[in-house]
């Protein structure tokens, strides 16, 4: 089961996805809310944290999560303070009960990852793309529009039209034509 623990309004945070299963995982940890209490309302422990990238709204509660749980923190940039294990491009990692391939997808931030489980048809898109054809900002440090478009193309080359779910870093998850939403984001990002 995948559930978003982030509050729907009132704080500057990313979505925070708790993925229960054999390897209970927190995908991103958010900012400006008590994520530890939200996790503990559902499970006692987590097995790992996986970061899509290291912007503050995605990692602001990392110290609290590290203090509360004996779980490694995994991300693309193991040079970032708090990341224990690097996730290399095109490697697989178990999240919940599924195997996800990690895709290095820069453009929004240099250390950005998307995570895709082909068998389940699930994509964690981070801040690469969002619902309704929106895409991640490229006006922040390390942002690069042409790299973002290349990263969106890369995701579209990997996923197929029967993608079942897309969980983005902000806004709602997409279960109605997530592939089409990614295509719209690519078109919008090219302009």
N, C-alpha and C. Protein backbone atom coordinates (compact mmCIF):
# COMPACT_ATOMS: atom_id res chain seq x y z
N UNK A 1 0.84 -1.18 0.00
CA UNK A 1 0.00 0.00 0.00
C UNK A 1 0.88 1.25 0.00
N UNK A 2 0.51 2.22 -0.80
CA UNK A 2 1.21 3.49 -0.88
C UNK A 2 0.27 4.57 -0.36
N UNK A 3 0.74 5.31 0.65
CA UNK A 3 -0.09 6.40 1.18
C UNK A 3 0.76 7.66 1.35
N UNK A 4 0.14 8.79 1.07
CA UNK A 4 0.79 10.08 1.22
C UNK A 4 0.54 10.58 2.63
N UNK A 5 1.60 10.82 3.39
CA UNK A 5 1.48 11.26 4.77
C UNK A 5 1.51 12.77 4.93
N UNK A 6 1.82 13.49 3.88
CA UNK A 6 1.98 14.94 3.98
C UNK A 6 0.63 15.63 4.16
N UNK A 7 0.63 16.72 4.94
CA UNK A 7 -0.61 17.49 5.07
C UNK A 7 -0.98 18.10 3.72
N UNK A 8 -2.27 18.26 3.51
CA UNK A 8 -2.72 18.76 2.21
C UNK A 8 -2.57 20.26 2.06
N UNK A 9 -2.41 20.99 3.15
CA UNK A 9 -2.23 22.43 3.05
C UNK A 9 -1.63 22.97 4.33
N UNK A 10 -1.18 24.21 4.27
CA UNK A 10 -0.73 24.90 5.46
C UNK A 10 0.76 24.85 5.74
N UNK A 11 1.50 24.00 5.05
CA UNK A 11 2.95 23.93 5.27
C UNK A 11 3.66 23.80 3.93
N UNK A 12 4.93 24.20 3.93
CA UNK A 12 5.76 24.08 2.73
C UNK A 12 6.46 22.73 2.78
N UNK A 13 5.88 21.75 2.13
CA UNK A 13 6.43 20.40 2.13
C UNK A 13 6.17 19.72 0.80
N UNK A 14 6.95 18.71 0.57
CA UNK A 14 6.68 17.81 -0.54
C UNK A 14 5.69 16.75 -0.08
N UNK A 15 5.22 15.96 -1.00
CA UNK A 15 4.51 14.74 -0.61
C UNK A 15 5.51 13.80 0.04
N UNK A 16 5.00 12.97 0.93
CA UNK A 16 5.81 11.97 1.64
C UNK A 16 5.06 10.66 1.53
N UNK A 17 5.63 9.71 0.81
CA UNK A 17 4.93 8.45 0.56
C UNK A 17 5.47 7.34 1.45
N UNK A 18 4.56 6.74 2.21
CA UNK A 18 4.88 5.55 2.99
C UNK A 18 4.45 4.35 2.16
N UNK A 19 5.41 3.49 1.85
CA UNK A 19 5.15 2.31 1.04
C UNK A 19 5.35 1.10 1.95
N UNK A 20 4.25 0.47 2.32
CA UNK A 20 4.32 -0.67 3.22
C UNK A 20 4.60 -1.94 2.44
N UNK A 21 5.21 -2.90 3.12
CA UNK A 21 5.49 -4.19 2.50
C UNK A 21 6.74 -4.80 3.09
N UNK A 22 7.33 -5.70 2.33
CA UNK A 22 8.52 -6.40 2.79
C UNK A 22 9.64 -5.43 3.18
N UNK A 23 9.79 -4.36 2.40
CA UNK A 23 10.76 -3.31 2.71
C UNK A 23 9.98 -2.01 2.85
N UNK A 24 9.48 -1.77 4.06
CA UNK A 24 8.68 -0.57 4.30
C UNK A 24 9.57 0.66 4.12
N UNK A 25 9.12 1.54 3.26
CA UNK A 25 9.96 2.63 2.79
C UNK A 25 9.23 3.96 2.87
N UNK A 26 9.98 4.99 3.24
CA UNK A 26 9.49 6.35 3.15
C UNK A 26 10.16 6.98 1.94
N UNK A 27 9.37 7.39 0.95
CA UNK A 27 9.90 8.07 -0.23
C UNK A 27 9.75 9.57 0.03
N UNK A 28 10.89 10.22 0.26
CA UNK A 28 11.00 11.61 0.69
C UNK A 28 10.47 11.75 2.11
N UNK A 29 10.94 12.81 2.80
CA UNK A 29 10.56 12.98 4.21
C UNK A 29 9.85 14.30 4.48
N UNK A 30 9.78 15.17 3.49
CA UNK A 30 9.02 16.39 3.64
C UNK A 30 9.68 17.43 4.51
N UNK A 31 8.88 18.43 4.88
CA UNK A 31 9.37 19.60 5.59
C UNK A 31 8.23 20.21 6.40
N UNK A 32 8.54 20.78 7.53
CA UNK A 32 7.60 21.59 8.31
C UNK A 32 6.37 20.85 8.83
N UNK A 33 6.48 19.54 9.08
CA UNK A 33 5.41 18.84 9.78
C UNK A 33 5.99 17.64 10.50
N UNK A 34 5.24 17.08 11.42
CA UNK A 34 5.72 15.97 12.25
C UNK A 34 5.55 14.65 11.51
N UNK A 35 6.47 14.39 10.60
CA UNK A 35 6.39 13.18 9.79
C UNK A 35 6.57 11.93 10.64
N UNK A 36 7.35 12.02 11.71
CA UNK A 36 7.58 10.85 12.56
C UNK A 36 6.26 10.37 13.16
N UNK A 37 5.45 11.30 13.67
CA UNK A 37 4.14 10.92 14.22
C UNK A 37 3.23 10.34 13.15
N UNK A 38 3.29 10.89 11.96
CA UNK A 38 2.47 10.38 10.86
C UNK A 38 2.87 8.95 10.50
N UNK A 39 4.17 8.69 10.46
CA UNK A 39 4.64 7.33 10.17
C UNK A 39 4.20 6.39 11.28
N UNK A 40 4.43 6.80 12.53
CA UNK A 40 4.13 5.92 13.67
C UNK A 40 2.63 5.68 13.84
N UNK A 41 1.81 6.51 13.28
CA UNK A 41 0.36 6.26 13.31
C UNK A 41 -0.01 5.06 12.43
N UNK A 42 0.91 4.68 11.54
CA UNK A 42 0.65 3.59 10.60
C UNK A 42 1.52 2.37 10.89
N UNK A 43 2.82 2.59 11.09
CA UNK A 43 3.77 1.49 11.34
C UNK A 43 4.71 1.90 12.47
N UNK A 44 5.29 0.89 13.11
CA UNK A 44 6.25 1.18 14.19
C UNK A 44 7.63 1.53 13.65
N UNK A 45 8.02 0.88 12.58
CA UNK A 45 9.37 1.07 12.04
C UNK A 45 9.32 1.13 10.51
N UNK A 46 10.36 1.71 9.95
CA UNK A 46 10.56 1.68 8.51
C UNK A 46 11.91 1.02 8.23
N UNK A 47 12.05 0.46 7.06
CA UNK A 47 13.29 -0.22 6.69
C UNK A 47 14.28 0.68 5.97
N UNK A 48 13.77 1.73 5.31
CA UNK A 48 14.66 2.64 4.59
C UNK A 48 13.91 3.91 4.24
N UNK A 49 14.71 4.93 3.94
CA UNK A 49 14.22 6.17 3.35
C UNK A 49 14.87 6.28 1.98
N UNK A 50 14.09 6.63 0.98
CA UNK A 50 14.61 6.87 -0.36
C UNK A 50 14.24 8.30 -0.75
N UNK A 51 15.24 9.07 -1.12
CA UNK A 51 15.03 10.47 -1.50
C UNK A 51 15.00 10.62 -3.02
N UNK A 52 13.99 11.34 -3.51
CA UNK A 52 13.98 11.63 -4.94
C UNK A 52 14.99 12.72 -5.28
N UNK A 53 15.21 13.65 -4.36
CA UNK A 53 16.24 14.68 -4.50
C UNK A 53 16.34 15.43 -3.19
N UNK A 54 17.27 16.37 -3.12
CA UNK A 54 17.60 16.97 -1.83
C UNK A 54 17.20 18.44 -1.69
N UNK A 55 16.17 18.89 -2.37
CA UNK A 55 15.63 20.21 -2.06
C UNK A 55 15.01 20.18 -0.67
N UNK A 56 15.05 21.31 0.01
CA UNK A 56 14.62 21.41 1.41
C UNK A 56 13.22 20.87 1.65
N UNK A 57 12.30 21.13 0.74
CA UNK A 57 10.92 20.67 0.97
C UNK A 57 10.80 19.15 0.94
N UNK A 58 11.81 18.47 0.44
CA UNK A 58 11.82 16.99 0.39
C UNK A 58 12.66 16.37 1.51
N UNK A 59 13.55 17.15 2.12
CA UNK A 59 14.47 16.60 3.13
C UNK A 59 14.48 17.36 4.45
N UNK A 60 13.60 18.31 4.62
CA UNK A 60 13.63 19.16 5.81
C UNK A 60 13.48 18.43 7.13
N UNK A 61 12.78 17.32 7.15
CA UNK A 61 12.59 16.56 8.39
C UNK A 61 13.55 15.37 8.49
N UNK A 62 14.59 15.36 7.66
CA UNK A 62 15.49 14.21 7.62
C UNK A 62 16.15 13.93 8.98
N UNK A 63 16.59 14.97 9.69
CA UNK A 63 17.22 14.74 10.99
C UNK A 63 16.25 14.06 11.96
N UNK A 64 15.01 14.51 11.98
CA UNK A 64 14.01 13.91 12.88
C UNK A 64 13.75 12.45 12.51
N UNK A 65 13.68 12.16 11.23
CA UNK A 65 13.45 10.78 10.78
C UNK A 65 14.65 9.91 11.14
N UNK A 66 15.85 10.43 10.94
CA UNK A 66 17.06 9.66 11.28
C UNK A 66 17.13 9.39 12.78
N UNK A 67 16.73 10.38 13.59
CA UNK A 67 16.73 10.20 15.05
C UNK A 67 15.70 9.18 15.50
N UNK A 68 14.57 9.12 14.83
CA UNK A 68 13.45 8.27 15.26
C UNK A 68 13.55 6.84 14.77
N UNK A 69 14.16 6.63 13.62
CA UNK A 69 14.17 5.31 13.00
C UNK A 69 15.59 4.86 12.70
N UNK A 70 15.84 3.59 12.89
CA UNK A 70 17.13 3.01 12.55
C UNK A 70 17.05 2.48 11.12
N UNK A 71 17.00 3.42 10.19
CA UNK A 71 16.80 3.06 8.79
C UNK A 71 17.80 3.84 7.94
N UNK A 72 18.44 3.18 6.98
CA UNK A 72 19.36 3.90 6.11
C UNK A 72 18.62 4.88 5.21
N UNK A 73 19.30 5.97 4.89
CA UNK A 73 18.77 6.97 3.97
C UNK A 73 19.51 6.82 2.66
N UNK A 74 18.77 6.62 1.59
CA UNK A 74 19.34 6.34 0.28
C UNK A 74 18.96 7.45 -0.69
N UNK A 75 19.91 7.85 -1.51
CA UNK A 75 19.66 8.86 -2.52
C UNK A 75 20.76 8.84 -3.55
N UNK A 76 20.60 9.63 -4.58
CA UNK A 76 21.59 9.64 -5.65
C UNK A 76 22.93 10.21 -5.18
N UNK A 77 22.87 11.24 -4.33
CA UNK A 77 24.08 11.94 -3.90
C UNK A 77 24.45 11.55 -2.48
N UNK A 78 25.35 10.57 -2.33
CA UNK A 78 25.75 10.17 -0.98
C UNK A 78 26.72 11.16 -0.35
N UNK A 79 27.05 12.23 -1.06
CA UNK A 79 27.82 13.33 -0.49
C UNK A 79 26.95 14.30 0.28
N UNK A 80 25.63 14.19 0.11
CA UNK A 80 24.70 15.05 0.84
C UNK A 80 24.65 14.58 2.28
N UNK A 81 24.77 15.51 3.23
CA UNK A 81 24.75 15.17 4.64
C UNK A 81 23.44 14.49 5.00
N UNK A 82 23.52 13.27 5.48
CA UNK A 82 22.33 12.51 5.85
C UNK A 82 22.03 11.35 4.93
N UNK A 83 22.63 11.34 3.75
CA UNK A 83 22.45 10.20 2.83
C UNK A 83 23.52 9.16 3.14
N UNK A 84 23.08 7.97 3.53
CA UNK A 84 23.99 6.90 3.92
C UNK A 84 24.43 6.03 2.74
N UNK A 85 23.53 5.84 1.79
CA UNK A 85 23.80 4.92 0.69
C UNK A 85 23.43 5.56 -0.64
N UNK A 86 24.34 5.45 -1.58
CA UNK A 86 24.07 6.00 -2.92
C UNK A 86 23.21 5.01 -3.71
N UNK A 87 22.31 5.57 -4.49
CA UNK A 87 21.53 4.78 -5.45
C UNK A 87 22.04 5.18 -6.83
N UNK A 88 22.66 4.25 -7.50
CA UNK A 88 23.21 4.52 -8.83
C UNK A 88 22.12 4.43 -9.89
N UNK A 89 22.34 5.14 -10.98
CA UNK A 89 21.43 5.12 -12.11
C UNK A 89 21.24 3.69 -12.61
N UNK A 90 20.01 3.35 -12.91
CA UNK A 90 19.62 2.06 -13.49
C UNK A 90 19.85 0.86 -12.57
N UNK A 91 19.96 1.12 -11.27
CA UNK A 91 20.02 0.01 -10.32
C UNK A 91 18.63 -0.24 -9.76
N UNK A 92 18.42 -1.43 -9.23
CA UNK A 92 17.11 -1.74 -8.66
C UNK A 92 17.18 -1.69 -7.15
N UNK A 93 16.04 -1.38 -6.57
CA UNK A 93 15.92 -1.28 -5.12
C UNK A 93 14.52 -1.74 -4.77
N UNK A 94 14.41 -2.56 -3.74
CA UNK A 94 13.09 -2.98 -3.28
C UNK A 94 12.48 -1.85 -2.47
N UNK A 95 11.25 -1.53 -2.80
CA UNK A 95 10.44 -0.56 -2.07
C UNK A 95 9.09 -1.22 -1.86
N UNK A 96 8.70 -1.38 -0.60
CA UNK A 96 7.49 -2.14 -0.32
C UNK A 96 7.69 -3.57 -0.76
N UNK A 97 6.83 -4.05 -1.63
CA UNK A 97 6.93 -5.42 -2.15
C UNK A 97 7.39 -5.48 -3.60
N UNK A 98 7.79 -4.36 -4.16
CA UNK A 98 8.13 -4.29 -5.58
C UNK A 98 9.60 -3.91 -5.79
N UNK A 99 10.13 -4.32 -6.92
CA UNK A 99 11.46 -3.90 -7.35
C UNK A 99 11.31 -2.66 -8.23
N UNK A 100 12.01 -1.62 -7.87
CA UNK A 100 11.99 -0.36 -8.61
C UNK A 100 13.35 -0.13 -9.23
N UNK A 101 13.36 0.35 -10.46
CA UNK A 101 14.60 0.78 -11.08
C UNK A 101 14.72 2.28 -10.83
N UNK A 102 15.93 2.69 -10.45
CA UNK A 102 16.21 4.10 -10.21
C UNK A 102 16.71 4.73 -11.51
N UNK A 103 16.13 5.86 -11.84
CA UNK A 103 16.54 6.60 -13.04
C UNK A 103 17.06 7.96 -12.62
N UNK A 104 18.31 8.25 -12.95
CA UNK A 104 18.84 9.58 -12.68
C UNK A 104 18.19 10.53 -13.69
N UNK A 105 17.46 11.50 -13.18
CA UNK A 105 16.65 12.38 -14.03
C UNK A 105 16.91 13.85 -13.67
N UNK A 106 18.09 14.37 -13.99
CA UNK A 106 18.39 15.77 -13.67
C UNK A 106 17.56 16.73 -14.52
N UNK A 107 17.62 17.97 -14.14
CA UNK A 107 16.89 19.03 -14.83
C UNK A 107 16.22 19.93 -13.81
N UNK A 108 15.56 19.33 -12.84
CA UNK A 108 15.02 20.08 -11.70
C UNK A 108 16.11 20.26 -10.65
N UNK A 109 16.87 19.21 -10.40
CA UNK A 109 18.03 19.22 -9.51
C UNK A 109 18.98 18.13 -9.98
N UNK A 110 20.28 18.36 -9.80
CA UNK A 110 21.28 17.43 -10.33
C UNK A 110 21.17 16.02 -9.74
N UNK A 111 20.70 15.90 -8.50
CA UNK A 111 20.64 14.58 -7.86
C UNK A 111 19.25 13.94 -7.94
N UNK A 112 18.44 14.37 -8.86
CA UNK A 112 17.05 13.90 -8.94
C UNK A 112 16.96 12.47 -9.46
N UNK A 113 16.11 11.69 -8.79
CA UNK A 113 15.81 10.32 -9.19
C UNK A 113 14.32 10.13 -9.39
N UNK A 114 13.95 9.33 -10.37
CA UNK A 114 12.61 8.76 -10.47
C UNK A 114 12.76 7.27 -10.18
N UNK A 115 11.70 6.66 -9.69
CA UNK A 115 11.72 5.25 -9.32
C UNK A 115 10.55 4.57 -9.99
N UNK A 116 10.83 3.49 -10.74
CA UNK A 116 9.80 2.84 -11.55
C UNK A 116 9.75 1.34 -11.31
N UNK A 117 8.56 0.85 -10.98
CA UNK A 117 8.31 -0.59 -10.83
C UNK A 117 7.50 -1.04 -12.03
N UNK A 118 8.15 -1.68 -12.98
CA UNK A 118 7.48 -2.08 -14.22
C UNK A 118 6.35 -3.06 -13.97
N UNK A 119 6.59 -4.06 -13.14
CA UNK A 119 5.57 -5.09 -12.91
C UNK A 119 4.30 -4.50 -12.30
N UNK A 120 4.46 -3.60 -11.36
CA UNK A 120 3.30 -2.98 -10.71
C UNK A 120 2.76 -1.79 -11.50
N UNK A 121 3.57 -1.25 -12.41
CA UNK A 121 3.15 -0.07 -13.16
C UNK A 121 3.09 1.18 -12.31
N UNK A 122 4.09 1.36 -11.43
CA UNK A 122 4.10 2.50 -10.51
C UNK A 122 5.36 3.32 -10.73
N UNK A 123 5.18 4.64 -10.79
CA UNK A 123 6.29 5.58 -10.94
C UNK A 123 6.26 6.59 -9.81
N UNK A 124 7.38 6.73 -9.10
CA UNK A 124 7.59 7.87 -8.21
C UNK A 124 8.35 8.89 -9.03
N UNK A 125 7.70 10.02 -9.32
CA UNK A 125 8.25 10.99 -10.26
C UNK A 125 8.99 12.13 -9.59
N UNK A 126 8.97 12.22 -8.26
CA UNK A 126 9.63 13.34 -7.60
C UNK A 126 9.08 14.65 -8.14
N UNK A 127 9.99 15.58 -8.43
CA UNK A 127 9.58 16.87 -8.99
C UNK A 127 9.88 16.97 -10.48
N UNK A 128 10.00 15.84 -11.15
CA UNK A 128 10.20 15.88 -12.60
C UNK A 128 8.91 16.28 -13.31
N UNK A 129 7.84 15.58 -13.01
CA UNK A 129 6.53 15.86 -13.62
C UNK A 129 5.45 15.73 -12.55
N UNK A 130 4.31 16.39 -12.82
CA UNK A 130 3.19 16.39 -11.90
C UNK A 130 1.90 16.11 -12.67
N UNK A 131 0.81 16.07 -11.94
CA UNK A 131 -0.51 15.87 -12.55
C UNK A 131 -0.80 16.98 -13.55
N UNK A 132 -1.63 16.65 -14.52
CA UNK A 132 -2.14 17.60 -15.50
C UNK A 132 -1.06 18.22 -16.39
N UNK A 133 0.04 17.50 -16.60
CA UNK A 133 1.05 17.97 -17.52
C UNK A 133 1.99 19.03 -16.99
N UNK A 134 2.00 19.23 -15.69
CA UNK A 134 2.95 20.18 -15.11
C UNK A 134 4.32 19.52 -14.98
N UNK A 135 5.34 20.34 -14.85
CA UNK A 135 6.70 19.81 -14.73
C UNK A 135 7.48 20.63 -13.71
N UNK A 136 8.60 20.08 -13.26
CA UNK A 136 9.40 20.70 -12.21
C UNK A 136 10.04 22.01 -12.64
N UNK A 137 10.23 22.87 -11.65
CA UNK A 137 10.86 24.16 -11.90
C UNK A 137 12.30 23.96 -12.34
N UNK A 138 12.73 24.85 -13.22
CA UNK A 138 14.12 24.81 -13.66
C UNK A 138 14.81 26.14 -13.41
N UNK A 139 14.16 27.04 -12.66
CA UNK A 139 14.74 28.34 -12.36
C UNK A 139 15.47 28.35 -11.02
N UNK A 140 15.58 27.20 -10.38
CA UNK A 140 16.32 27.08 -9.13
C UNK A 140 17.76 26.66 -9.43
N UNK A 141 18.63 26.77 -8.42
CA UNK A 141 20.01 26.32 -8.59
C UNK A 141 20.02 24.87 -9.08
N UNK A 142 20.85 24.58 -10.03
CA UNK A 142 20.99 23.27 -10.68
C UNK A 142 19.86 22.96 -11.66
N UNK A 143 18.92 23.86 -11.83
CA UNK A 143 17.85 23.64 -12.80
C UNK A 143 18.34 23.84 -14.22
N UNK A 144 17.83 23.03 -15.13
CA UNK A 144 18.23 23.10 -16.54
C UNK A 144 17.09 22.54 -17.38
N UNK A 145 16.41 23.41 -18.12
CA UNK A 145 15.23 23.01 -18.87
C UNK A 145 15.54 21.93 -19.89
N UNK A 146 16.65 22.05 -20.63
CA UNK A 146 16.93 21.04 -21.65
C UNK A 146 17.21 19.68 -21.01
N UNK A 147 17.89 19.66 -19.86
CA UNK A 147 18.11 18.39 -19.15
C UNK A 147 16.79 17.83 -18.64
N UNK A 148 15.90 18.70 -18.19
CA UNK A 148 14.60 18.24 -17.71
C UNK A 148 13.83 17.55 -18.84
N UNK A 149 13.83 18.15 -20.02
CA UNK A 149 13.15 17.54 -21.17
C UNK A 149 13.78 16.19 -21.50
N UNK A 150 15.11 16.11 -21.49
CA UNK A 150 15.77 14.83 -21.73
C UNK A 150 15.37 13.79 -20.69
N UNK A 151 15.25 14.23 -19.44
CA UNK A 151 14.85 13.30 -18.37
C UNK A 151 13.42 12.82 -18.55
N UNK A 152 12.53 13.72 -18.95
CA UNK A 152 11.15 13.31 -19.22
C UNK A 152 11.12 12.31 -20.37
N UNK A 153 11.88 12.59 -21.42
CA UNK A 153 11.98 11.65 -22.54
C UNK A 153 12.47 10.29 -22.06
N UNK A 154 13.44 10.30 -21.18
CA UNK A 154 13.99 9.04 -20.67
C UNK A 154 12.93 8.24 -19.93
N UNK A 155 12.15 8.92 -19.11
CA UNK A 155 11.07 8.24 -18.38
C UNK A 155 10.05 7.67 -19.37
N UNK A 156 9.67 8.46 -20.36
CA UNK A 156 8.69 7.98 -21.34
C UNK A 156 9.22 6.80 -22.15
N UNK A 157 10.53 6.75 -22.36
CA UNK A 157 11.11 5.60 -23.06
C UNK A 157 11.03 4.32 -22.22
N UNK A 158 10.99 4.48 -20.91
CA UNK A 158 10.99 3.31 -20.02
C UNK A 158 9.58 2.84 -19.67
N UNK A 159 8.72 3.76 -19.30
CA UNK A 159 7.36 3.36 -18.91
C UNK A 159 6.54 3.11 -20.16
N UNK A 160 5.43 2.43 -20.00
CA UNK A 160 4.56 2.24 -21.16
C UNK A 160 3.17 2.77 -20.86
N UNK A 161 2.34 2.72 -21.86
CA UNK A 161 1.03 3.36 -21.77
C UNK A 161 0.12 2.75 -20.72
N UNK A 162 0.44 1.55 -20.24
CA UNK A 162 -0.39 0.98 -19.19
C UNK A 162 0.13 1.30 -17.79
N UNK A 163 0.98 2.33 -17.68
CA UNK A 163 1.39 2.83 -16.37
C UNK A 163 0.15 3.05 -15.52
N UNK A 164 0.13 2.48 -14.33
CA UNK A 164 -1.07 2.51 -13.50
C UNK A 164 -1.12 3.68 -12.53
N UNK A 165 0.03 4.05 -11.99
CA UNK A 165 0.07 5.10 -10.96
C UNK A 165 1.32 5.95 -11.12
N UNK A 166 1.15 7.26 -10.93
CA UNK A 166 2.29 8.17 -10.85
C UNK A 166 2.15 8.96 -9.57
N UNK A 167 3.15 8.87 -8.72
CA UNK A 167 3.17 9.59 -7.45
C UNK A 167 4.21 10.70 -7.57
N UNK A 168 3.74 11.93 -7.59
CA UNK A 168 4.61 13.08 -7.79
C UNK A 168 4.99 13.72 -6.46
N UNK A 169 6.00 14.56 -6.51
CA UNK A 169 6.49 15.21 -5.31
C UNK A 169 5.55 16.25 -4.73
N UNK A 170 4.62 16.73 -5.53
CA UNK A 170 3.64 17.72 -5.08
C UNK A 170 2.33 17.43 -5.79
N UNK A 171 1.24 17.82 -5.17
CA UNK A 171 -0.07 17.64 -5.79
C UNK A 171 -0.55 16.21 -5.70
N UNK A 172 -1.62 15.93 -6.42
CA UNK A 172 -2.23 14.60 -6.32
C UNK A 172 -1.43 13.53 -7.08
N UNK A 173 -1.59 12.31 -6.64
CA UNK A 173 -1.11 11.17 -7.42
C UNK A 173 -2.05 10.99 -8.60
N UNK A 174 -1.55 10.38 -9.66
CA UNK A 174 -2.33 10.23 -10.89
C UNK A 174 -2.56 8.75 -11.16
N UNK A 175 -3.83 8.37 -11.23
CA UNK A 175 -4.19 7.00 -11.58
C UNK A 175 -5.02 6.95 -12.85
N UNK A 176 -5.42 8.09 -13.37
CA UNK A 176 -6.17 8.17 -14.62
C UNK A 176 -5.22 8.68 -15.71
N UNK A 177 -4.72 7.77 -16.53
CA UNK A 177 -3.81 8.06 -17.63
C UNK A 177 -2.53 8.79 -17.19
N UNK A 178 -1.77 8.20 -16.27
CA UNK A 178 -0.52 8.85 -15.88
C UNK A 178 0.46 9.00 -17.05
N UNK A 179 0.47 8.04 -17.97
CA UNK A 179 1.35 8.15 -19.13
C UNK A 179 1.01 9.41 -19.93
N UNK A 180 -0.27 9.65 -20.15
CA UNK A 180 -0.70 10.85 -20.87
C UNK A 180 -0.30 12.12 -20.15
N UNK A 181 -0.32 12.11 -18.81
CA UNK A 181 0.11 13.27 -18.04
C UNK A 181 1.60 13.54 -18.26
N UNK A 182 2.40 12.48 -18.34
CA UNK A 182 3.83 12.65 -18.58
C UNK A 182 4.06 13.19 -19.99
N UNK A 183 3.31 12.69 -20.96
CA UNK A 183 3.43 13.21 -22.33
C UNK A 183 3.08 14.70 -22.38
N UNK A 184 2.02 15.10 -21.67
CA UNK A 184 1.65 16.52 -21.62
C UNK A 184 2.76 17.35 -21.01
N UNK A 185 3.37 16.83 -19.94
CA UNK A 185 4.47 17.55 -19.30
C UNK A 185 5.64 17.73 -20.28
N UNK A 186 5.92 16.70 -21.05
CA UNK A 186 7.00 16.81 -22.04
C UNK A 186 6.69 17.90 -23.06
N UNK A 187 5.46 17.90 -23.56
CA UNK A 187 5.08 18.93 -24.53
C UNK A 187 5.20 20.33 -23.93
N UNK A 188 4.71 20.49 -22.70
CA UNK A 188 4.76 21.80 -22.06
C UNK A 188 6.20 22.24 -21.78
N UNK A 189 7.04 21.31 -21.36
CA UNK A 189 8.42 21.65 -21.03
C UNK A 189 9.23 22.04 -22.26
N UNK A 190 8.82 21.58 -23.42
CA UNK A 190 9.56 21.90 -24.65
C UNK A 190 9.31 23.33 -25.12
N UNK A 191 8.27 23.97 -24.63
CA UNK A 191 7.97 25.35 -25.07
C UNK A 191 8.66 26.38 -24.22
